[in-house]
Amino acid sequence: MSQLITCMWFDRGEARKAAEFYASVFPDSRVLNANASPLDLPAAKEGEDLTVEFTVLGQRYIGLNGGPNVQANMAVSFMVLTESQEETDRYWNAIVGNGGEERACGWCRDRWGYSWQITPWALWEATTDPDRAAGKRAMEAMMTMRKIDIARIEAARRGDG
């Protein structure tokens, strides 16, 4: 049976560190298997982890210790839809506080260069509101933020701020 599994490229030895970090931050996440390189390669010596299988929020990934030749960029990001400000803050702070960096509009980048969109459902619902004026106000409010502030999004949606 065919499957689609996302493979994430890491510098030598970083795949396990990333998998363990993601598993510590997000529920329904864990490190599964590590697969040793069968021979000496530029990115992994024989016996070192070549790939690490893991899940994040129930989705399966493979981390490849592929070396420094490929860098992550914003062309692909991981969107995490959150239920509350507390959950939004927890994920945002974990990623940014572990060597990551803040970006605009709910985006942040982890220490390995992967982009994450920490997106409250309230933002999604506001910006897709059938009332186009409400959606516009919410979008304008979001454009001024780094980490999303749900109370400000909801106020903008209502026209209160």
N, C-alpha and C. Protein backbone atom coordinates (compact mmCIF):
# COMPACT_ATOMS: atom_id res chain seq x y z
N MET A 1 0.84 -1.17 0.00
CA MET A 1 0.00 0.00 0.00
C MET A 1 0.89 1.25 0.00
N SER A 2 0.59 2.20 -0.85
CA SER A 2 1.36 3.44 -0.94
C SER A 2 1.10 4.32 0.27
N GLN A 3 2.13 5.04 0.68
CA GLN A 3 2.02 6.01 1.77
C GLN A 3 2.77 7.27 1.38
N LEU A 4 2.38 8.37 1.95
CA LEU A 4 3.09 9.62 1.78
C LEU A 4 3.69 9.99 3.12
N ILE A 5 5.01 10.04 3.19
CA ILE A 5 5.72 10.40 4.41
C ILE A 5 6.65 11.56 4.06
N THR A 6 6.60 12.60 4.85
CA THR A 6 7.47 13.75 4.62
C THR A 6 8.86 13.44 5.16
N CYS A 7 9.86 13.69 4.34
CA CYS A 7 11.25 13.51 4.74
C CYS A 7 11.85 14.90 4.98
N MET A 8 12.39 15.10 6.15
CA MET A 8 13.00 16.37 6.52
C MET A 8 14.52 16.19 6.56
N TRP A 9 15.23 17.06 5.88
CA TRP A 9 16.69 16.98 5.76
C TRP A 9 17.34 17.76 6.91
N PHE A 10 18.28 17.13 7.57
CA PHE A 10 19.02 17.75 8.67
C PHE A 10 20.51 17.60 8.43
N ASP A 11 21.26 18.46 9.08
CA ASP A 11 22.71 18.33 9.05
C ASP A 11 23.08 17.10 9.87
N ARG A 12 24.29 16.65 9.71
CA ARG A 12 24.77 15.42 10.34
C ARG A 12 24.45 15.37 11.84
N GLY A 13 23.77 14.30 12.23
CA GLY A 13 23.48 14.05 13.63
C GLY A 13 22.33 14.84 14.23
N GLU A 14 21.68 15.69 13.47
CA GLU A 14 20.63 16.55 14.02
C GLU A 14 19.23 15.94 13.92
N ALA A 15 19.02 14.92 13.12
CA ALA A 15 17.68 14.37 12.93
C ALA A 15 17.10 13.85 14.24
N ARG A 16 17.88 13.12 15.02
CA ARG A 16 17.38 12.59 16.29
C ARG A 16 17.08 13.74 17.26
N LYS A 17 17.95 14.73 17.33
CA LYS A 17 17.73 15.87 18.22
C LYS A 17 16.42 16.58 17.87
N ALA A 18 16.19 16.79 16.58
CA ALA A 18 14.96 17.44 16.14
C ALA A 18 13.75 16.58 16.48
N ALA A 19 13.81 15.30 16.18
CA ALA A 19 12.69 14.39 16.45
C ALA A 19 12.36 14.38 17.95
N GLU A 20 13.39 14.32 18.78
CA GLU A 20 13.17 14.32 20.23
C GLU A 20 12.56 15.64 20.69
N PHE A 21 13.02 16.75 20.12
CA PHE A 21 12.46 18.05 20.47
C PHE A 21 10.99 18.12 20.08
N TYR A 22 10.67 17.79 18.83
CA TYR A 22 9.28 17.85 18.37
C TYR A 22 8.39 16.96 19.23
N ALA A 23 8.88 15.77 19.57
CA ALA A 23 8.09 14.84 20.39
C ALA A 23 7.87 15.40 21.79
N SER A 24 8.80 16.20 22.29
CA SER A 24 8.64 16.78 23.63
C SER A 24 7.67 17.96 23.64
N VAL A 25 7.45 18.58 22.49
CA VAL A 25 6.62 19.79 22.41
C VAL A 25 5.17 19.47 22.08
N PHE A 26 4.95 18.59 21.11
CA PHE A 26 3.61 18.38 20.58
C PHE A 26 3.01 17.06 21.07
N PRO A 27 1.71 17.06 21.42
CA PRO A 27 1.07 15.80 21.81
C PRO A 27 0.96 14.85 20.63
N ASP A 28 0.72 13.59 20.93
CA ASP A 28 0.60 12.55 19.90
C ASP A 28 1.83 12.55 18.98
N SER A 29 3.00 12.69 19.62
CA SER A 29 4.27 12.75 18.89
C SER A 29 5.27 11.86 19.61
N ARG A 30 6.09 11.16 18.82
CA ARG A 30 7.11 10.30 19.44
C ARG A 30 8.18 9.94 18.43
N VAL A 31 9.31 9.55 18.96
CA VAL A 31 10.40 9.04 18.13
C VAL A 31 10.16 7.55 17.97
N LEU A 32 10.20 7.07 16.74
CA LEU A 32 9.94 5.65 16.47
C LEU A 32 11.24 4.89 16.35
N ASN A 33 11.81 4.87 15.17
CA ASN A 33 13.02 4.08 14.91
C ASN A 33 14.14 4.96 14.38
N ALA A 34 15.35 4.55 14.70
CA ALA A 34 16.53 5.15 14.08
C ALA A 34 17.16 4.05 13.23
N ASN A 35 17.61 4.43 12.05
CA ASN A 35 18.19 3.46 11.13
C ASN A 35 19.64 3.84 10.85
N ALA A 36 20.53 2.93 11.18
CA ALA A 36 21.96 3.19 11.06
C ALA A 36 22.41 3.14 9.60
N SER A 37 23.38 3.97 9.31
CA SER A 37 23.97 3.95 7.97
C SER A 37 24.73 2.64 7.78
N PRO A 38 24.51 1.95 6.66
CA PRO A 38 25.20 0.68 6.44
C PRO A 38 26.66 0.86 5.98
N LEU A 39 27.04 2.08 5.66
CA LEU A 39 28.41 2.34 5.23
C LEU A 39 28.77 3.79 5.52
N ASP A 40 30.04 4.14 5.39
CA ASP A 40 30.49 5.50 5.60
C ASP A 40 29.99 6.40 4.46
N LEU A 41 29.32 7.46 4.85
CA LEU A 41 28.82 8.46 3.91
C LEU A 41 29.29 9.82 4.40
N PRO A 42 29.26 10.82 3.55
CA PRO A 42 29.64 12.16 4.03
C PRO A 42 28.76 12.66 5.18
N ALA A 43 27.48 12.28 5.21
CA ALA A 43 26.56 12.77 6.22
C ALA A 43 26.46 11.87 7.45
N ALA A 44 26.88 10.62 7.36
CA ALA A 44 26.80 9.68 8.48
C ALA A 44 27.83 8.58 8.27
N LYS A 45 28.56 8.31 9.30
CA LYS A 45 29.51 7.21 9.25
C LYS A 45 28.76 5.89 9.49
N GLU A 46 29.35 4.79 9.07
CA GLU A 46 28.74 3.48 9.29
C GLU A 46 28.36 3.33 10.76
N GLY A 47 27.10 2.94 11.01
CA GLY A 47 26.60 2.74 12.36
C GLY A 47 25.94 3.96 12.97
N GLU A 48 26.18 5.15 12.44
CA GLU A 48 25.52 6.35 12.94
C GLU A 48 24.11 6.45 12.35
N ASP A 49 23.25 7.20 13.01
CA ASP A 49 21.89 7.40 12.48
C ASP A 49 21.96 8.03 11.10
N LEU A 50 21.35 7.36 10.14
CA LEU A 50 21.17 7.96 8.81
C LEU A 50 19.77 8.56 8.74
N THR A 51 18.77 7.79 9.20
CA THR A 51 17.40 8.29 9.25
C THR A 51 16.80 8.03 10.63
N VAL A 52 15.85 8.88 10.98
CA VAL A 52 15.11 8.73 12.24
C VAL A 52 13.64 8.88 11.89
N GLU A 53 12.84 7.90 12.26
CA GLU A 53 11.41 7.94 12.02
C GLU A 53 10.72 8.49 13.27
N PHE A 54 9.75 9.41 13.05
CA PHE A 54 9.07 10.01 14.18
C PHE A 54 7.69 10.50 13.75
N THR A 55 6.86 10.84 14.74
CA THR A 55 5.56 11.43 14.47
C THR A 55 5.48 12.77 15.17
N VAL A 56 4.72 13.69 14.58
CA VAL A 56 4.38 14.98 15.18
C VAL A 56 2.89 15.17 14.98
N LEU A 57 2.17 15.31 16.09
CA LEU A 57 0.71 15.44 16.05
C LEU A 57 0.09 14.32 15.22
N GLY A 58 0.63 13.12 15.36
CA GLY A 58 0.09 11.96 14.68
C GLY A 58 0.56 11.78 13.24
N GLN A 59 1.24 12.76 12.68
CA GLN A 59 1.74 12.66 11.30
C GLN A 59 3.13 12.05 11.31
N ARG A 60 3.38 11.19 10.34
CA ARG A 60 4.65 10.48 10.28
C ARG A 60 5.68 11.26 9.44
N TYR A 61 6.92 11.25 9.92
CA TYR A 61 8.04 11.92 9.25
C TYR A 61 9.27 11.03 9.30
N ILE A 62 10.19 11.32 8.41
CA ILE A 62 11.52 10.71 8.45
C ILE A 62 12.52 11.86 8.44
N GLY A 63 13.40 11.86 9.42
CA GLY A 63 14.49 12.81 9.46
C GLY A 63 15.71 12.17 8.84
N LEU A 64 16.27 12.81 7.85
CA LEU A 64 17.46 12.31 7.15
C LEU A 64 18.66 13.15 7.56
N ASN A 65 19.67 12.51 8.10
CA ASN A 65 20.93 13.20 8.37
C ASN A 65 21.67 13.28 7.04
N GLY A 66 21.31 14.27 6.25
CA GLY A 66 21.82 14.38 4.89
C GLY A 66 23.02 15.29 4.73
N GLY A 67 23.39 16.01 5.78
CA GLY A 67 24.53 16.92 5.68
C GLY A 67 24.09 18.35 5.43
N PRO A 68 25.04 19.26 5.33
CA PRO A 68 24.74 20.69 5.25
C PRO A 68 24.39 21.19 3.85
N ASN A 69 24.28 20.31 2.87
CA ASN A 69 24.09 20.75 1.48
C ASN A 69 22.72 21.35 1.20
N VAL A 70 21.71 21.00 1.98
CA VAL A 70 20.35 21.47 1.74
C VAL A 70 19.87 22.20 3.00
N GLN A 71 19.30 23.36 2.80
CA GLN A 71 18.77 24.15 3.92
C GLN A 71 17.25 24.27 3.79
N ALA A 72 16.56 24.20 4.93
CA ALA A 72 15.11 24.40 4.94
C ALA A 72 14.81 25.85 4.58
N ASN A 73 13.64 26.09 3.99
CA ASN A 73 13.22 27.46 3.71
C ASN A 73 11.71 27.57 3.89
N MET A 74 11.19 28.78 3.71
CA MET A 74 9.77 29.03 3.98
C MET A 74 8.83 28.50 2.90
N ALA A 75 9.37 27.90 1.85
CA ALA A 75 8.51 27.38 0.78
C ALA A 75 7.59 26.27 1.29
N VAL A 76 8.02 25.59 2.34
CA VAL A 76 7.20 24.55 2.99
C VAL A 76 7.19 24.88 4.47
N SER A 77 6.01 24.87 5.07
CA SER A 77 5.91 25.13 6.51
C SER A 77 4.95 24.14 7.14
N PHE A 78 5.01 24.08 8.45
CA PHE A 78 4.13 23.22 9.22
C PHE A 78 3.12 24.11 9.94
N MET A 79 1.85 23.96 9.60
CA MET A 79 0.80 24.75 10.23
C MET A 79 0.19 23.93 11.36
N VAL A 80 0.23 24.51 12.55
CA VAL A 80 -0.36 23.89 13.73
C VAL A 80 -1.55 24.74 14.15
N LEU A 81 -2.74 24.17 14.04
CA LEU A 81 -3.96 24.87 14.43
C LEU A 81 -4.20 24.65 15.92
N THR A 82 -4.29 25.75 16.66
CA THR A 82 -4.40 25.69 18.12
C THR A 82 -5.79 26.10 18.58
N GLU A 83 -6.16 25.64 19.77
CA GLU A 83 -7.49 25.89 20.33
C GLU A 83 -7.55 27.10 21.25
N SER A 84 -6.41 27.50 21.82
CA SER A 84 -6.44 28.54 22.85
C SER A 84 -5.17 29.38 22.79
N GLN A 85 -5.19 30.50 23.52
CA GLN A 85 -3.99 31.32 23.61
C GLN A 85 -2.89 30.57 24.35
N GLU A 86 -3.28 29.83 25.38
CA GLU A 86 -2.29 29.07 26.16
C GLU A 86 -1.57 28.06 25.27
N GLU A 87 -2.30 27.35 24.43
CA GLU A 87 -1.70 26.38 23.53
C GLU A 87 -0.83 27.09 22.48
N THR A 88 -1.33 28.19 21.95
CA THR A 88 -0.57 28.99 20.99
C THR A 88 0.74 29.43 21.61
N ASP A 89 0.68 29.99 22.81
CA ASP A 89 1.87 30.46 23.51
C ASP A 89 2.85 29.33 23.78
N ARG A 90 2.33 28.18 24.21
CA ARG A 90 3.20 27.05 24.56
C ARG A 90 4.01 26.59 23.35
N TYR A 91 3.36 26.39 22.20
CA TYR A 91 4.08 25.93 21.02
C TYR A 91 5.04 27.00 20.51
N TRP A 92 4.55 28.23 20.43
CA TRP A 92 5.38 29.34 19.95
C TRP A 92 6.64 29.47 20.82
N ASN A 93 6.42 29.52 22.13
CA ASN A 93 7.55 29.72 23.05
C ASN A 93 8.53 28.55 23.01
N ALA A 94 8.03 27.34 22.83
CA ALA A 94 8.92 26.18 22.75
C ALA A 94 9.81 26.27 21.51
N ILE A 95 9.23 26.61 20.38
CA ILE A 95 10.02 26.68 19.14
C ILE A 95 10.98 27.85 19.17
N VAL A 96 10.50 29.03 19.51
CA VAL A 96 11.35 30.22 19.53
C VAL A 96 12.39 30.12 20.65
N GLY A 97 11.99 29.60 21.80
CA GLY A 97 12.88 29.51 22.95
C GLY A 97 13.94 28.44 22.86
N ASN A 98 13.88 27.59 21.87
CA ASN A 98 14.86 26.51 21.70
C ASN A 98 15.79 26.83 20.52
N GLY A 99 16.18 28.08 20.41
CA GLY A 99 17.10 28.47 19.34
C GLY A 99 16.41 28.88 18.05
N GLY A 100 15.08 29.00 18.09
CA GLY A 100 14.34 29.42 16.91
C GLY A 100 14.26 30.93 16.82
N GLU A 101 13.42 31.41 15.92
CA GLU A 101 13.25 32.85 15.79
C GLU A 101 11.82 33.19 15.40
N GLU A 102 11.39 34.35 15.88
CA GLU A 102 10.06 34.86 15.55
C GLU A 102 10.03 35.37 14.13
N ARG A 103 8.90 35.23 13.51
CA ARG A 103 8.61 35.80 12.19
C ARG A 103 7.27 36.52 12.30
N ALA A 104 6.85 37.14 11.25
CA ALA A 104 5.59 37.89 11.25
C ALA A 104 4.39 36.96 11.07
N CYS A 105 3.25 37.42 11.53
CA CYS A 105 1.94 36.82 11.23
C CYS A 105 1.77 35.39 11.72
N GLY A 106 2.32 35.07 12.88
CA GLY A 106 2.16 33.73 13.44
C GLY A 106 3.18 32.72 12.96
N TRP A 107 4.16 33.18 12.19
CA TRP A 107 5.21 32.28 11.71
C TRP A 107 6.41 32.35 12.64
N CYS A 108 7.06 31.23 12.83
CA CYS A 108 8.34 31.19 13.52
C CYS A 108 9.19 30.11 12.85
N ARG A 109 10.46 30.14 13.14
CA ARG A 109 11.37 29.17 12.54
C ARG A 109 12.10 28.46 13.66
N ASP A 110 12.19 27.12 13.57
CA ASP A 110 12.90 26.38 14.60
C ASP A 110 14.41 26.45 14.36
N ARG A 111 15.17 25.91 15.29
CA ARG A 111 16.63 26.04 15.21
C ARG A 111 17.23 25.29 14.03
N TRP A 112 16.46 24.40 13.40
CA TRP A 112 16.94 23.66 12.23
C TRP A 112 16.55 24.36 10.93
N GLY A 113 15.84 25.47 11.04
CA GLY A 113 15.47 26.25 9.86
C GLY A 113 14.09 25.98 9.31
N TYR A 114 13.33 25.06 9.94
CA TYR A 114 11.99 24.76 9.46
C TYR A 114 11.00 25.80 9.95
N SER A 115 10.08 26.19 9.08
CA SER A 115 9.08 27.21 9.39
C SER A 115 7.81 26.57 9.92
N TRP A 116 7.27 27.20 10.95
CA TRP A 116 6.04 26.76 11.61
C TRP A 116 5.06 27.92 11.62
N GLN A 117 3.81 27.63 11.34
CA GLN A 117 2.73 28.59 11.49
C GLN A 117 1.91 28.14 12.69
N ILE A 118 2.01 28.88 13.77
CA ILE A 118 1.24 28.56 14.97
C ILE A 118 -0.04 29.39 14.86
N THR A 119 -1.11 28.74 14.42
CA THR A 119 -2.32 29.42 13.96
C THR A 119 -3.52 29.02 14.81
N PRO A 120 -4.00 29.94 15.64
CA PRO A 120 -5.23 29.65 16.38
C PRO A 120 -6.42 29.48 15.43
N TRP A 121 -7.31 28.57 15.77
CA TRP A 121 -8.54 28.41 14.99
C TRP A 121 -9.27 29.73 14.89
N ALA A 122 -9.20 30.54 15.96
CA ALA A 122 -9.88 31.84 15.96
C ALA A 122 -9.37 32.72 14.83
N LEU A 123 -8.11 32.66 14.53
CA LEU A 123 -7.55 33.43 13.41
C LEU A 123 -8.08 32.88 12.09
N TRP A 124 -8.03 31.57 11.95
CA TRP A 124 -8.52 30.94 10.72
C TRP A 124 -9.98 31.31 10.47
N GLU A 125 -10.80 31.18 11.51
CA GLU A 125 -12.22 31.49 11.36
C GLU A 125 -12.44 32.97 11.06
N ALA A 126 -11.66 33.84 11.69
CA ALA A 126 -11.82 35.29 11.48
C ALA A 126 -11.44 35.70 10.07
N THR A 127 -10.33 35.18 9.58
CA THR A 127 -9.85 35.60 8.26
C THR A 127 -10.64 34.96 7.12
N THR A 128 -11.43 33.94 7.43
CA THR A 128 -12.28 33.31 6.42
C THR A 128 -13.76 33.61 6.67
N ASP A 129 -14.02 34.60 7.52
CA ASP A 129 -15.39 35.00 7.86
C ASP A 129 -16.13 35.40 6.59
N PRO A 130 -17.37 34.92 6.40
CA PRO A 130 -18.15 35.35 5.23
C PRO A 130 -18.39 36.87 5.20
N ASP A 131 -18.36 37.51 6.38
CA ASP A 131 -18.42 38.97 6.45
C ASP A 131 -17.03 39.48 6.06
N ARG A 132 -16.89 39.90 4.82
CA ARG A 132 -15.57 40.28 4.29
C ARG A 132 -14.93 41.43 5.07
N ALA A 133 -15.75 42.35 5.59
CA ALA A 133 -15.20 43.45 6.38
C ALA A 133 -14.59 42.93 7.68
N ALA A 134 -15.25 41.96 8.31
CA ALA A 134 -14.72 41.36 9.54
C ALA A 134 -13.42 40.62 9.24
N GLY A 135 -13.41 39.86 8.15
CA GLY A 135 -12.20 39.15 7.74
C GLY A 135 -11.05 40.10 7.45
N LYS A 136 -11.36 41.22 6.82
CA LYS A 136 -10.33 42.21 6.51
C LYS A 136 -9.75 42.81 7.79
N ARG A 137 -10.61 43.16 8.74
CA ARG A 137 -10.12 43.72 10.00
C ARG A 137 -9.23 42.72 10.74
N ALA A 138 -9.63 41.46 10.75
CA ALA A 138 -8.82 40.43 11.41
C ALA A 138 -7.48 40.26 10.70
N MET A 139 -7.50 40.26 9.38
CA MET A 139 -6.26 40.12 8.62
C MET A 139 -5.33 41.32 8.88
N GLU A 140 -5.90 42.51 8.89
CA GLU A 140 -5.09 43.70 9.17
C GLU A 140 -4.47 43.62 10.56
N ALA A 141 -5.23 43.15 11.54
CA ALA A 141 -4.69 43.00 12.90
C ALA A 141 -3.56 41.97 12.91
N MET A 142 -3.77 40.85 12.22
CA MET A 142 -2.75 39.80 12.17
C MET A 142 -1.45 40.32 11.57
N MET A 143 -1.55 41.18 10.58
CA MET A 143 -0.36 41.69 9.88
C MET A 143 0.54 42.51 10.80
N THR A 144 0.05 42.94 11.96
CA THR A 144 0.86 43.70 12.90
C THR A 144 1.50 42.82 13.97
N MET A 145 1.22 41.52 13.95
CA MET A 145 1.65 40.62 15.02
C MET A 145 2.81 39.73 14.60
N ARG A 146 3.48 39.23 15.59
CA ARG A 146 4.38 38.10 15.41
C ARG A 146 3.60 36.88 15.92
N LYS A 147 3.66 36.61 17.22
CA LYS A 147 2.81 35.56 17.80
C LYS A 147 1.38 36.08 17.78
N ILE A 148 0.44 35.23 17.42
CA ILE A 148 -0.96 35.65 17.29
C ILE A 148 -1.59 35.84 18.67
N ASP A 149 -2.26 36.97 18.83
CA ASP A 149 -2.98 37.33 20.04
C ASP A 149 -4.48 37.15 19.72
N ILE A 150 -5.06 36.09 20.24
CA ILE A 150 -6.44 35.74 19.92
C ILE A 150 -7.40 36.85 20.33
N ALA A 151 -7.21 37.45 21.49
CA ALA A 151 -8.13 38.50 21.94
C ALA A 151 -8.12 39.68 20.96
N ARG A 152 -6.96 40.05 20.45
CA ARG A 152 -6.88 41.16 19.49
C ARG A 152 -7.52 40.77 18.16
N ILE A 153 -7.36 39.52 17.75
CA ILE A 153 -7.99 39.06 16.50
C ILE A 153 -9.50 39.11 16.64
N GLU A 154 -10.01 38.60 17.75
CA GLU A 154 -11.46 38.59 17.96
C GLU A 154 -12.02 40.00 18.07
N ALA A 155 -11.28 40.91 18.73
CA ALA A 155 -11.73 42.30 18.82
C ALA A 155 -11.77 42.95 17.44
N ALA A 156 -10.74 42.70 16.63
CA ALA A 156 -10.72 43.25 15.28
C ALA A 156 -11.88 42.69 14.45
N ARG A 157 -12.14 41.42 14.60
CA ARG A 157 -13.23 40.79 13.87
C ARG A 157 -14.57 41.45 14.20
N ARG A 158 -14.75 41.76 15.48
CA ARG A 158 -16.00 42.41 15.92
C ARG A 158 -16.03 43.90 15.56
N GLY A 159 -14.86 44.45 15.23
CA GLY A 159 -14.78 45.88 14.95
C GLY A 159 -14.50 46.72 16.19
N ASP A 160 -13.99 46.05 17.24
CA ASP A 160 -13.71 46.73 18.52
C ASP A 160 -12.28 47.26 18.63
N GLY A 161 -11.51 47.11 17.64
CA GLY A 161 -10.13 47.56 17.83
C GLY A 161 -9.41 47.53 16.59
